[in-house]
C-alpha atoms as a PDB file:
ATOM      1  CA  MET A   1    -112.721 142.411  -1.427  1.00  0.00           C
ATOM      2  CA  SER A   2    -111.396 143.050  -4.925  1.00  0.00           C
ATOM      3  CA  GLU A   3    -112.775 141.500  -8.093  1.00  0.00           C
ATOM      4  CA  LEU A   4    -114.032 137.960  -7.504  1.00  0.00           C
ATOM      5  CA  LYS A   5    -112.164 135.347  -9.501  1.00  0.00           C
ATOM      6  CA  VAL A   6    -114.567 132.630 -10.671  1.00  0.00           C
ATOM      7  CA  ALA A   7    -113.910 129.200 -12.204  1.00  0.00           C
ATOM      8  CA  VAL A   8    -116.627 127.004 -13.715  1.00  0.00           C
ATOM      9  CA  VAL A   9    -116.076 123.243 -13.886  1.00  0.00           C
ATOM     10  CA  GLY A  10    -118.282 121.621 -16.512  1.00  0.00           C
ATOM     11  CA  CYS A  11    -119.084 123.424 -19.762  1.00  0.00           C
ATOM     12  CA  GLY A  12    -122.177 121.447 -20.780  1.00  0.00           C
ATOM     13  CA  GLY A  13    -125.813 122.525 -20.673  1.00  0.00           C
ATOM     14  CA  ILE A  14    -126.102 123.922 -17.147  1.00  0.00           C
ATOM     15  CA  GLY A  15    -122.481 125.064 -17.228  1.00  0.00           C
ATOM     16  CA  SER A  16    -123.312 127.208 -20.246  1.00  0.00           C
ATOM     17  CA  VAL A  17    -126.196 128.744 -18.320  1.00  0.00           C
ATOM     18  CA  HIS A  18    -123.986 129.544 -15.332  1.00  0.00           C
ATOM     19  CA  MET A  19    -121.145 130.968 -17.425  1.00  0.00           C
ATOM     20  CA  ALA A  20    -123.514 133.322 -19.237  1.00  0.00           C
ATOM     21  CA  ARG A  21    -124.804 134.585 -15.873  1.00  0.00           C
ATOM     22  CA  TRP A  22    -121.379 135.022 -14.297  1.00  0.00           C
ATOM     23  CA  ALA A  23    -120.453 137.224 -17.250  1.00  0.00           C
ATOM     24  CA  ASN A  24    -123.123 139.680 -16.049  1.00  0.00           C
ATOM     25  CA  VAL A  25    -122.163 139.834 -12.347  1.00  0.00           C
ATOM     26  CA  PRO A  26    -120.585 143.174 -11.408  1.00  0.00           C
ATOM     27  CA  GLY A  27    -117.274 142.763  -9.641  1.00  0.00           C
ATOM     28  CA  ALA A  28    -116.814 139.151 -10.733  1.00  0.00           C
ATOM     29  CA  ARG A  29    -114.676 137.729 -13.528  1.00  0.00           C
ATOM     30  CA  LEU A  30    -114.980 134.329 -15.128  1.00  0.00           C
ATOM     31  CA  SER A  31    -111.264 133.598 -15.210  1.00  0.00           C
ATOM     32  CA  ALA A  32    -111.154 129.842 -15.900  1.00  0.00           C
ATOM     33  CA  VAL A  33    -113.315 127.071 -17.294  1.00  0.00           C
ATOM     34  CA  CYS A  34    -112.684 123.341 -17.148  1.00  0.00           C
ATOM     35  CA  ASP A  35    -114.188 120.393 -19.003  1.00  0.00           C
ATOM     36  CA  LEU A  36    -112.980 116.894 -19.836  1.00  0.00           C
ATOM     37  CA  ASN A  37    -113.971 117.749 -23.388  1.00  0.00           C
ATOM     38  CA  GLY A  38    -111.143 120.037 -24.432  1.00  0.00           C
ATOM     39  CA  SER A  39    -113.106 121.506 -27.340  1.00  0.00           C
ATOM     40  CA  ALA A  40    -115.977 122.491 -25.048  1.00  0.00           C
ATOM     41  CA  ALA A  41    -113.547 124.150 -22.628  1.00  0.00           C
ATOM     42  CA  ALA A  42    -111.763 125.972 -25.448  1.00  0.00           C
ATOM     43  CA  ASP A  43    -115.022 127.220 -26.957  1.00  0.00           C
ATOM     44  CA  ALA A  44    -116.240 128.551 -23.613  1.00  0.00           C
ATOM     45  CA  ALA A  45    -112.883 130.100 -22.811  1.00  0.00           C
ATOM     46  CA  GLY A  46    -112.850 131.905 -26.150  1.00  0.00           C
ATOM     47  CA  LYS A  47    -116.359 133.229 -25.603  1.00  0.00           C
ATOM     48  CA  TYR A  48    -115.701 134.609 -22.138  1.00  0.00           C
ATOM     49  CA  GLY A  49    -112.001 135.449 -22.257  1.00  0.00           C
ATOM     50  CA  ALA A  50    -111.126 132.784 -19.689  1.00  0.00           C
ATOM     51  CA  ALA A  51    -108.335 130.228 -19.424  1.00  0.00           C
ATOM     52  CA  ALA A  52    -109.281 126.741 -20.625  1.00  0.00           C
ATOM     53  CA  PHE A  53    -108.441 123.511 -18.791  1.00  0.00           C
ATOM     54  CA  GLU A  54    -109.205 119.838 -19.247  1.00  0.00           C
ATOM     55  CA  ASP A  55    -107.721 118.863 -15.877  1.00  0.00           C
ATOM     56  CA  ARG A  56    -109.299 120.362 -12.766  1.00  0.00           C
ATOM     57  CA  ALA A  57    -106.184 119.689 -10.686  1.00  0.00           C
ATOM     58  CA  ALA A  58    -104.121 121.734 -13.120  1.00  0.00           C
ATOM     59  CA  MET A  59    -106.693 124.508 -13.001  1.00  0.00           C
ATOM     60  CA  LEU A  60    -106.830 124.587  -9.199  1.00  0.00           C
ATOM     61  CA  ALA A  61    -103.044 124.389  -8.914  1.00  0.00           C
ATOM     62  CA  GLY A  62    -102.923 127.932 -10.239  1.00  0.00           C
ATOM     63  CA  GLY A  63    -104.885 128.930  -7.155  1.00  0.00           C
ATOM     64  CA  GLY A  64    -106.463 132.223  -6.338  1.00  0.00           C
ATOM     65  CA  PHE A  65    -110.076 131.383  -7.165  1.00  0.00           C
ATOM     66  CA  ASP A  66    -112.639 132.969  -4.890  1.00  0.00           C
ATOM     67  CA  ILE A  67    -115.449 130.824  -6.294  1.00  0.00           C
ATOM     68  CA  VAL A  68    -115.570 127.447  -8.012  1.00  0.00           C
ATOM     69  CA  ASP A  69    -118.922 126.733  -9.645  1.00  0.00           C
ATOM     70  CA  ILE A  70    -119.451 122.974 -10.151  1.00  0.00           C
ATOM     71  CA  CYS A  71    -121.615 122.067 -13.157  1.00  0.00           C
ATOM     72  CA  THR A  72    -120.432 118.504 -13.718  1.00  0.00           C
ATOM     73  CA  PRO A  73    -122.534 115.324 -13.532  1.00  0.00           C
ATOM     74  CA  PRO A  74    -123.297 114.272  -9.920  1.00  0.00           C
ATOM     75  CA  ASN A  75    -120.677 111.512  -9.709  1.00  0.00           C
ATOM     76  CA  GLU A  76    -117.953 114.174  -9.845  1.00  0.00           C
ATOM     77  CA  HIS A  77    -119.418 116.615  -7.321  1.00  0.00           C
ATOM     78  CA  ALA A  78    -117.740 115.266  -4.197  1.00  0.00           C
ATOM     79  CA  ALA A  79    -114.251 115.065  -5.704  1.00  0.00           C
ATOM     80  CA  VAL A  80    -114.406 118.453  -7.419  1.00  0.00           C
ATOM     81  CA  ALA A  81    -115.888 120.155  -4.362  1.00  0.00           C
ATOM     82  CA  SER A  82    -113.267 118.653  -2.055  1.00  0.00           C
ATOM     83  CA  ALA A  83    -110.433 119.810  -4.313  1.00  0.00           C
ATOM     84  CA  ALA A  84    -111.914 123.284  -4.702  1.00  0.00           C
ATOM     85  CA  LEU A  85    -112.455 123.687  -0.970  1.00  0.00           C
ATOM     86  CA  ALA A  86    -108.910 122.485  -0.280  1.00  0.00           C
ATOM     87  CA  ALA A  87    -107.687 125.148  -2.706  1.00  0.00           C
ATOM     88  CA  GLY A  88    -109.434 127.786  -0.590  1.00  0.00           C
ATOM     89  CA  ALA A  89    -112.400 128.502  -2.852  1.00  0.00           C
ATOM     90  CA  HIS A  90    -116.023 128.925  -1.919  1.00  0.00           C
ATOM     91  CA  VAL A  91    -118.215 126.454  -3.804  1.00  0.00           C
ATOM     92  CA  LEU A  92    -121.483 126.727  -5.693  1.00  0.00           C
ATOM     93  CA  CYS A  93    -122.553 123.207  -6.649  1.00  0.00           C
ATOM     94  CA  GLU A  94    -125.323 122.164  -9.010  1.00  0.00           C
ATOM     95  CA  LYS A  95    -128.083 119.936  -7.741  1.00  0.00           C
ATOM     96  CA  PRO A  96    -128.270 117.226  -6.654  1.00  0.00           C
ATOM     97  CA  LEU A  97    -125.456 118.015  -4.259  1.00  0.00           C
ATOM     98  CA  ALA A  98    -124.409 114.360  -4.591  1.00  0.00           C
ATOM     99  CA  ARG A  99    -125.706 110.942  -5.597  1.00  0.00           C
ATOM    100  CA  THR A 100    -126.332 109.872  -2.005  1.00  0.00           C
ATOM    101  CA  PRO A 101    -126.732 111.486   1.405  1.00  0.00           C
ATOM    102  CA  GLU A 102    -123.400 109.991   2.417  1.00  0.00           C
ATOM    103  CA  GLU A 103    -121.585 111.700  -0.463  1.00  0.00           C
ATOM    104  CA  ALA A 104    -123.419 114.949   0.227  1.00  0.00           C
ATOM    105  CA  ARG A 105    -122.416 114.830   3.882  1.00  0.00           C
ATOM    106  CA  THR A 106    -118.727 114.563   2.979  1.00  0.00           C
ATOM    107  CA  ILE A 107    -119.001 117.789   0.968  1.00  0.00           C
ATOM    108  CA  VAL A 108    -120.872 119.609   3.732  1.00  0.00           C
ATOM    109  CA  ASP A 109    -118.396 118.462   6.389  1.00  0.00           C
ATOM    110  CA  GLU A 110    -115.414 119.457   4.249  1.00  0.00           C
ATOM    111  CA  ALA A 111    -116.816 122.948   3.685  1.00  0.00           C
ATOM    112  CA  ALA A 112    -117.347 123.368   7.418  1.00  0.00           C
ATOM    113  CA  ARG A 113    -113.828 122.142   8.160  1.00  0.00           C
ATOM    114  CA  ARG A 114    -112.343 124.526   5.616  1.00  0.00           C
ATOM    115  CA  GLU A 115    -114.618 127.375   6.782  1.00  0.00           C
ATOM    116  CA  ARG A 116    -115.746 128.004   3.214  1.00  0.00           C
ATOM    117  CA  LEU A 117    -119.229 128.756   1.901  1.00  0.00           C
ATOM    118  CA  LEU A 118    -121.049 125.918   0.165  1.00  0.00           C
ATOM    119  CA  MET A 119    -124.247 126.664  -1.731  1.00  0.00           C
ATOM    120  CA  THR A 120    -126.470 124.119  -3.449  1.00  0.00           C
ATOM    121  CA  ALA A 121    -127.783 125.522  -6.738  1.00  0.00           C
ATOM    122  CA  PHE A 122    -131.500 125.358  -5.997  1.00  0.00           C
ATOM    123  CA  CYS A 123    -132.337 128.031  -8.549  1.00  0.00           C
ATOM    124  CA  HIS A 124    -136.103 127.878  -8.034  1.00  0.00           C
ATOM    125  CA  ARG A 125    -135.744 129.699  -4.731  1.00  0.00           C
ATOM    126  CA  PHE A 126    -134.769 132.724  -6.819  1.00  0.00           C
ATOM    127  CA  HIS A 127    -137.582 132.441  -9.385  1.00  0.00           C
ATOM    128  CA  PRO A 128    -139.537 135.736  -9.032  1.00  0.00           C
ATOM    129  CA  PRO A 129    -143.006 134.137  -8.723  1.00  0.00           C
ATOM    130  CA  ILE A 130    -141.690 131.748  -6.061  1.00  0.00           C
ATOM    131  CA  VAL A 131    -140.161 134.706  -4.203  1.00  0.00           C
ATOM    132  CA  PHE A 132    -143.575 136.407  -4.364  1.00  0.00           C
ATOM    133  CA  ALA A 133    -145.283 133.272  -3.035  1.00  0.00           C
ATOM    134  CA  ARG A 134    -142.791 133.075  -0.183  1.00  0.00           C
ATOM    135  CA  GLU A 135    -143.547 136.693   0.703  1.00  0.00           C
ATOM    136  CA  LEU A 136    -147.286 135.962   0.784  1.00  0.00           C
ATOM    137  CA  ILE A 137    -146.667 133.056   3.145  1.00  0.00           C
ATOM    138  CA  ALA A 138    -144.302 135.031   5.379  1.00  0.00           C
ATOM    139  CA  ALA A 139    -146.834 137.853   5.667  1.00  0.00           C
ATOM    140  CA  GLY A 140    -149.554 135.410   6.712  1.00  0.00           C
ATOM    141  CA  ASP A 141    -151.666 136.279   3.667  1.00  0.00           C
ATOM    142  CA  LEU A 142    -152.415 132.620   2.951  1.00  0.00           C
ATOM    143  CA  GLY A 143    -153.012 131.729   6.573  1.00  0.00           C
ATOM    144  CA  ARG A 144    -151.451 128.488   7.705  1.00  0.00           C
ATOM    145  CA  VAL A 145    -150.155 126.514   4.737  1.00  0.00           C
ATOM    146  CA  ILE A 146    -151.695 123.043   4.878  1.00  0.00           C
ATOM    147  CA  MET A 147    -151.277 121.663   1.353  1.00  0.00           C
ATOM    148  CA  PHE A 148    -148.629 121.875  -1.376  1.00  0.00           C
ATOM    149  CA  ARG A 149    -148.665 120.399  -4.844  1.00  0.00           C
ATOM    150  CA  ASN A 150    -145.923 120.441  -7.450  1.00  0.00           C
ATOM    151  CA  ARG A 151    -145.428 118.796 -10.826  1.00  0.00           C
ATOM    152  CA  PHE A 152    -142.359 119.203 -13.031  1.00  0.00           C
ATOM    153  CA  SER A 153    -142.824 117.072 -16.118  1.00  0.00           C
ATOM    154  CA  GLY A 154    -142.373 116.790 -19.841  1.00  0.00           C
ATOM    155  CA  HIS A 155    -140.627 114.634 -22.415  1.00  0.00           C
ATOM    156  CA  PHE A 156    -136.839 114.369 -22.067  1.00  0.00           C
ATOM    157  CA  ALA A 157    -135.946 113.520 -25.650  1.00  0.00           C
ATOM    158  CA  GLY A 158    -132.785 111.473 -26.040  1.00  0.00           C
ATOM    159  CA  ILE A 159    -132.475 110.761 -22.314  1.00  0.00           C
ATOM    160  CA  GLU A 160    -131.279 107.226 -23.078  1.00  0.00           C
ATOM    161  CA  ASP A 161    -128.102 108.654 -24.617  1.00  0.00           C
ATOM    162  CA  ARG A 162    -127.328 111.133 -21.846  1.00  0.00           C
ATOM    163  CA  TRP A 163    -125.529 110.702 -18.529  1.00  0.00           C
ATOM    164  CA  PHE A 164    -128.840 111.299 -16.752  1.00  0.00           C
ATOM    165  CA  SER A 165    -129.811 107.708 -17.578  1.00  0.00           C
ATOM    166  CA  ASP A 166    -126.613 106.143 -16.197  1.00  0.00           C
ATOM    167  CA  PRO A 167    -127.223 105.221 -12.544  1.00  0.00           C
ATOM    168  CA  GLU A 168    -123.496 105.175 -11.756  1.00  0.00           C
ATOM    169  CA  VAL A 169    -123.135 108.753 -12.959  1.00  0.00           C
ATOM    170  CA  ALA A 170    -126.483 110.262 -12.005  1.00  0.00           C
ATOM    171  CA  GLY A 171    -127.260 108.272  -8.862  1.00  0.00           C
ATOM    172  CA  GLY A 172    -130.940 108.124  -9.753  1.00  0.00           C
ATOM    173  CA  GLY A 173    -133.463 109.291 -12.296  1.00  0.00           C
ATOM    174  CA  SER A 174    -136.259 111.828 -12.464  1.00  0.00           C
ATOM    175  CA  LEU A 175    -136.738 111.699  -8.692  1.00  0.00           C
ATOM    176  CA  LEU A 176    -133.147 112.643  -7.886  1.00  0.00           C
ATOM    177  CA  ASP A 177    -132.526 114.997 -10.791  1.00  0.00           C
ATOM    178  CA  THR A 178    -135.854 116.798 -11.168  1.00  0.00           C
ATOM    179  CA  ALA A 179    -137.963 116.267  -8.053  1.00  0.00           C
ATOM    180  CA  ILE A 180    -135.074 117.218  -5.782  1.00  0.00           C
ATOM    181  CA  HIS A 181    -135.978 120.797  -6.721  1.00  0.00           C
ATOM    182  CA  SER A 182    -139.505 120.015  -5.558  1.00  0.00           C
ATOM    183  CA  VAL A 183    -138.269 118.742  -2.200  1.00  0.00           C
ATOM    184  CA  ASP A 184    -136.335 121.964  -1.704  1.00  0.00           C
ATOM    185  CA  LEU A 185    -139.344 124.065  -2.718  1.00  0.00           C
ATOM    186  CA  PHE A 186    -141.467 122.256  -0.126  1.00  0.00           C
ATOM    187  CA  ARG A 187    -138.866 122.939   2.551  1.00  0.00           C
ATOM    188  CA  PHE A 188    -138.495 126.563   1.407  1.00  0.00           C
ATOM    189  CA  LEU A 189    -142.206 127.370   1.223  1.00  0.00           C
ATOM    190  CA  VAL A 190    -143.841 124.999   3.702  1.00  0.00           C
ATOM    191  CA  GLY A 191    -141.332 123.717   6.232  1.00  0.00           C
ATOM    192  CA  GLU A 192    -139.000 120.917   7.194  1.00  0.00           C
ATOM    193  CA  VAL A 193    -139.923 117.414   6.108  1.00  0.00           C
ATOM    194  CA  ARG A 194    -140.694 114.869   8.808  1.00  0.00           C
ATOM    195  CA  GLY A 195    -141.735 111.999   6.540  1.00  0.00           C
ATOM    196  CA  ALA A 196    -141.767 110.934   2.904  1.00  0.00           C
ATOM    197  CA  THR A 197    -143.262 108.026   1.000  1.00  0.00           C
ATOM    198  CA  GLY A 198    -143.720 107.364  -2.697  1.00  0.00           C
ATOM    199  CA  ARG A 199    -143.368 105.331  -5.848  1.00  0.00           C
ATOM    200  CA  VAL A 200    -141.136 105.473  -8.907  1.00  0.00           C
ATOM    201  CA  GLY A 201    -141.517 103.987 -12.358  1.00  0.00           C
ATOM    202  CA  THR A 202    -139.637 103.518 -15.616  1.00  0.00           C
ATOM    203  CA  PHE A 203    -141.760 103.764 -18.757  1.00  0.00           C
ATOM    204  CA  LEU A 204    -139.295 104.811 -21.451  1.00  0.00           C
ATOM    205  CA  PRO A 205    -137.636 101.800 -23.098  1.00  0.00           C
ATOM    206  CA  GLY A 206    -134.056 100.962 -22.241  1.00  0.00           C
ATOM    207  CA  LEU A 207    -133.666 103.188 -19.181  1.00  0.00           C
ATOM    208  CA  ARG A 208    -131.886 101.950 -16.054  1.00  0.00           C
ATOM    209  CA  VAL A 209    -133.209 104.775 -13.868  1.00  0.00           C
ATOM    210  CA  ASP A 210    -136.689 105.972 -12.971  1.00  0.00           C
ATOM    211  CA  ASP A 211    -138.239 108.394 -15.444  1.00  0.00           C
ATOM    212  CA  SER A 212    -141.326 109.120 -13.327  1.00  0.00           C
ATOM    213  CA  ALA A 213    -142.039 109.535  -9.630  1.00  0.00           C
ATOM    214  CA  ALA A 214    -144.869 110.508  -7.304  1.00  0.00           C
ATOM    215  CA  PHE A 215    -144.565 110.977  -3.568  1.00  0.00           C
ATOM    216  CA  VAL A 216    -146.093 112.527  -0.498  1.00  0.00           C
ATOM    217  CA  LEU A 217    -144.287 114.664   2.071  1.00  0.00           C
ATOM    218  CA  GLN A 218    -145.455 115.871   5.451  1.00  0.00           C
ATOM    219  CA  SER A 219    -143.968 118.835   7.252  1.00  0.00           C
ATOM    220  CA  GLU A 220    -143.120 118.955  10.917  1.00  0.00           C
ATOM    221  CA  ASP A 221    -146.313 120.923  11.593  1.00  0.00           C
ATOM    222  CA  GLY A 222    -148.483 118.556   9.555  1.00  0.00           C
ATOM    223  CA  ALA A 223    -148.783 120.206   6.129  1.00  0.00           C
ATOM    224  CA  ILE A 224    -149.101 117.750   3.247  1.00  0.00           C
ATOM    225  CA  GLY A 225    -147.214 117.924  -0.033  1.00  0.00           C
ATOM    226  CA  VAL A 226    -147.881 115.952  -3.226  1.00  0.00           C
ATOM    227  CA  ILE A 227    -145.038 115.937  -5.747  1.00  0.00           C
ATOM    228  CA  GLU A 228    -144.865 114.437  -9.230  1.00  0.00           C
ATOM    229  CA  SER A 229    -142.031 114.384 -11.750  1.00  0.00           C
ATOM    230  CA  SER A 230    -141.632 112.751 -15.140  1.00  0.00           C
ATOM    231  CA  TRP A 231    -139.395 112.690 -18.195  1.00  0.00           C
ATOM    232  CA  ALA A 232    -141.878 110.513 -20.083  1.00  0.00           C
ATOM    233  CA  THR A 233    -144.967 112.704 -20.511  1.00  0.00           C
ATOM    234  CA  PRO A 234    -145.022 114.931 -23.627  1.00  0.00           C
ATOM    235  CA  GLY A 235    -148.168 116.604 -22.310  1.00  0.00           C
ATOM    236  CA  GLY A 236    -146.323 117.668 -19.184  1.00  0.00           C
ATOM    237  CA  ARG A 237    -147.121 120.347 -16.670  1.00  0.00           C
ATOM    238  CA  ASN A 238    -144.863 122.550 -14.570  1.00  0.00           C
ATOM    239  CA  VAL A 239    -146.689 124.116 -11.668  1.00  0.00           C
ATOM    240  CA  VAL A 240    -146.408 124.832  -7.939  1.00  0.00           C
ATOM    241  CA  GLU A 241    -149.603 125.140  -5.898  1.00  0.00           C
ATOM    242  CA  ILE A 242    -149.779 126.336  -2.298  1.00  0.00           C
ATOM    243  CA  TYR A 243    -152.986 126.169  -0.264  1.00  0.00           C
ATOM    244  CA  GLY A 244    -153.474 127.776   3.125  1.00  0.00           C
ATOM    245  CA  THR A 245    -156.345 128.282   5.528  1.00  0.00           C
ATOM    246  CA  ALA A 246    -156.853 131.835   4.240  1.00  0.00           C
ATOM    247  CA  GLY A 247    -155.837 131.708   0.609  1.00  0.00           C
ATOM    248  CA  SER A 248    -153.867 130.088  -2.170  1.00  0.00           C
ATOM    249  CA  CYS A 249    -151.102 130.759  -4.657  1.00  0.00           C
ATOM    250  CA  ILE A 250    -150.449 128.950  -7.940  1.00  0.00           C
ATOM    251  CA  VAL A 251    -147.227 129.454  -9.886  1.00  0.00           C
ATOM    252  CA  ASP A 252    -147.593 128.274 -13.484  1.00  0.00           C
ATOM    253  CA  TYR A 253    -144.151 127.899 -15.043  1.00  0.00           C
ATOM    254  CA  ASP A 254    -145.662 127.082 -18.444  1.00  0.00           C
ATOM    255  CA  SER A 255    -147.743 130.249 -18.815  1.00  0.00           C
ATOM    256  CA  GLY A 256    -145.452 132.434 -16.722  1.00  0.00           C
ATOM    257  CA  GLU A 257    -148.444 133.534 -14.659  1.00  0.00           C
ATOM    258  CA  LEU A 258    -149.128 133.511 -10.935  1.00  0.00           C
ATOM    259  CA  THR A 259    -152.664 133.306  -9.546  1.00  0.00           C
ATOM    260  CA  TYR A 260    -153.340 134.063  -5.907  1.00  0.00           C
ATOM    261  CA  ARG A 261    -156.128 134.841  -3.496  1.00  0.00           C
ATOM    262  CA  THR A 262    -155.913 136.037   0.089  1.00  0.00           C
ATOM    263  CA  ALA A 263    -158.573 136.346   2.793  1.00  0.00           C
ATOM    264  CA  ASP A 264    -159.298 139.981   1.914  1.00  0.00           C
ATOM    265  CA  MET A 265    -159.750 139.326  -1.821  1.00  0.00           C
ATOM    266  CA  ALA A 266    -163.196 138.561  -3.286  1.00  0.00           C
ATOM    267  CA  PHE A 267    -161.678 136.950  -6.374  1.00  0.00           C
ATOM    268  CA  ALA A 268    -158.368 135.431  -7.329  1.00  0.00           C
ATOM    269  CA  GLN A 269    -155.943 137.673  -9.169  1.00  0.00           C
ATOM    270  CA  THR A 270    -153.637 136.581 -11.976  1.00  0.00           C
ATOM    271  CA  ARG A 271    -150.450 138.447 -12.730  1.00  0.00           C
ATOM    272  CA  VAL A 272    -147.014 138.077 -14.225  1.00  0.00           C
ATOM    273  CA  VAL A 273    -144.322 138.604 -11.618  1.00  0.00           C
ATOM    274  CA  GLU A 274    -141.355 140.339 -13.172  1.00  0.00           C
ATOM    275  CA  GLY A 275    -137.840 140.017 -11.837  1.00  0.00           C
ATOM    276  CA  VAL A 276    -134.306 138.910 -12.433  1.00  0.00           C
ATOM    277  CA  ASP A 277    -133.847 135.549 -14.153  1.00  0.00           C
ATOM    278  CA  ARG A 278    -133.503 132.882 -11.458  1.00  0.00           C
ATOM    279  CA  PHE A 279    -130.073 131.710 -12.580  1.00  0.00           C
ATOM    280  CA  GLN A 280    -128.796 135.282 -12.655  1.00  0.00           C
ATOM    281  CA  ALA A 281    -130.208 135.969  -9.197  1.00  0.00           C
ATOM    282  CA  GLU A 282    -128.659 132.733  -7.924  1.00  0.00           C
ATOM    283  CA  VAL A 283    -125.080 133.530  -8.935  1.00  0.00           C
ATOM    284  CA  GLU A 284    -125.406 137.175  -7.892  1.00  0.00           C
ATOM    285  CA  HIS A 285    -126.609 136.060  -4.476  1.00  0.00           C
ATOM    286  CA  PHE A 286    -123.632 133.745  -4.060  1.00  0.00           C
ATOM    287  CA  ALA A 287    -121.233 136.513  -5.073  1.00  0.00           C
ATOM    288  CA  GLU A 288    -122.769 138.780  -2.446  1.00  0.00           C
ATOM    289  CA  ALA A 289    -122.537 136.060   0.198  1.00  0.00           C
ATOM    290  CA  VAL A 290    -118.869 135.490  -0.611  1.00  0.00           C
ATOM    291  CA  ARG A 291    -118.286 139.236  -0.309  1.00  0.00           C
ATOM    292  CA  GLY A 292    -120.005 139.114   3.089  1.00  0.00           C
ATOM    293  CA  THR A 293    -122.716 141.616   2.166  1.00  0.00           C
ATOM    294  CA  ARG A 294    -125.581 139.191   2.822  1.00  0.00           C
ATOM    295  CA  PRO A 295    -126.057 135.811   4.514  1.00  0.00           C
ATOM    296  CA  LEU A 296    -126.139 132.691   2.390  1.00  0.00           C
ATOM    297  CA  ALA A 297    -129.786 131.827   1.632  1.00  0.00           C
ATOM    298  CA  VAL A 298    -129.242 128.275   0.357  1.00  0.00           C
ATOM    299  CA  THR A 299    -126.621 126.085   1.965  1.00  0.00           C
ATOM    300  CA  GLY A 300    -124.898 122.778   1.505  1.00  0.00           C
ATOM    301  CA  ARG A 301    -127.047 121.438   4.308  1.00  0.00           C
ATOM    302  CA  ASP A 302    -130.127 122.249   2.241  1.00  0.00           C
ATOM    303  CA  GLY A 303    -128.647 120.069  -0.491  1.00  0.00           C
ATOM    304  CA  LEU A 304    -127.882 117.311   2.005  1.00  0.00           C
ATOM    305  CA  ARG A 305    -131.386 117.427   3.444  1.00  0.00           C
ATOM    306  CA  ALA A 306    -132.904 117.164  -0.032  1.00  0.00           C
ATOM    307  CA  ASN A 307    -130.693 114.142  -0.722  1.00  0.00           C
ATOM    308  CA  GLU A 308    -131.909 112.554   2.507  1.00  0.00           C
ATOM    309  CA  VAL A 309    -135.578 113.051   1.633  1.00  0.00           C
ATOM    310  CA  VAL A 310    -135.093 111.651  -1.877  1.00  0.00           C
ATOM    311  CA  ALA A 311    -133.306 108.627  -0.405  1.00  0.00           C
ATOM    312  CA  GLU A 312    -136.270 108.107   1.906  1.00  0.00           C
ATOM    313  CA  VAL A 313    -138.648 108.091  -1.080  1.00  0.00           C
ATOM    314  CA  TYR A 314    -136.460 105.605  -2.954  1.00  0.00           C
ATOM    315  CA  ALA A 315    -136.396 103.358   0.133  1.00  0.00           C
ATOM    316  CA  SER A 316    -140.184 103.580   0.382  1.00  0.00           C
ATOM    317  CA  ALA A 317    -140.557 102.621  -3.280  1.00  0.00           C
ATOM    318  CA  ARG A 318    -138.200  99.642  -2.899  1.00  0.00           C
ATOM    319  CA  ALA A 319    -140.028  98.417   0.180  1.00  0.00           C
ATOM    320  CA  ALA A 320    -143.311  98.521  -1.718  1.00  0.00           C
ATOM    321  CA  GLY A 321    -141.817  96.298  -4.412  1.00  0.00           C
END
């Protein structure tokens, strides 16, 4: 395959992150960017030497894109993905894959029908310390994993003025936007989810979505996961903890350190795991999958399954009143 032709739809915060990473991928060229804000599209296009568009249909009409990277708010994911797939492109789509499982399923089914690759942008799977933790688990160094704990939290300043707080656009709050990463990490490190229950809350004034959530997952083989997320806690914590019958592994996103202990270690060891930035590794992986040099590690079905688990937590919270 010749040089990969890449288009990014959505030039906001995460779109800026993706564009910067695509610029570093060998054999790929960021050839077009699209945003409803014409100034944002023009600025990005000027920075990366790409064509600027405000209308995605006009952009896709030109055709020839190998990859369309969707970095829009969730309410646009299904429509943009469908159009990109129909145009023959493979699709990398930011999380959550959609606002609801039903929307997510339409994207997954369309990709299968078009025989195109669909990857959900679960970047944490590519975070070097998480990769290290996964290797420990796969090697049996932690024994059987029986408990998992994860908290992603902090203070989301100005959330009330962002699309994240609009339920029609976002589909949900902290649970759907932030903790969906946590659901995928549980599935990636521990196993498939067989049950989920939890609670959500809104503590910041004026919000119409949840800004905090706590829930419990159980894997098909019985492992327990406790997950917490919040946009309302300035003294937040960002950590993943994995406990097995023979050892443990703690990934501290705040300090950048990983602490682990296996059965043959007298004391826990703390280290910094070096590696490629997770967003860079994510887009490079997708480029390789499109080229056919490696299988796709994160799929649209992973995004759909995460949507389903989050929906189950929301249903549990509603039932509890």
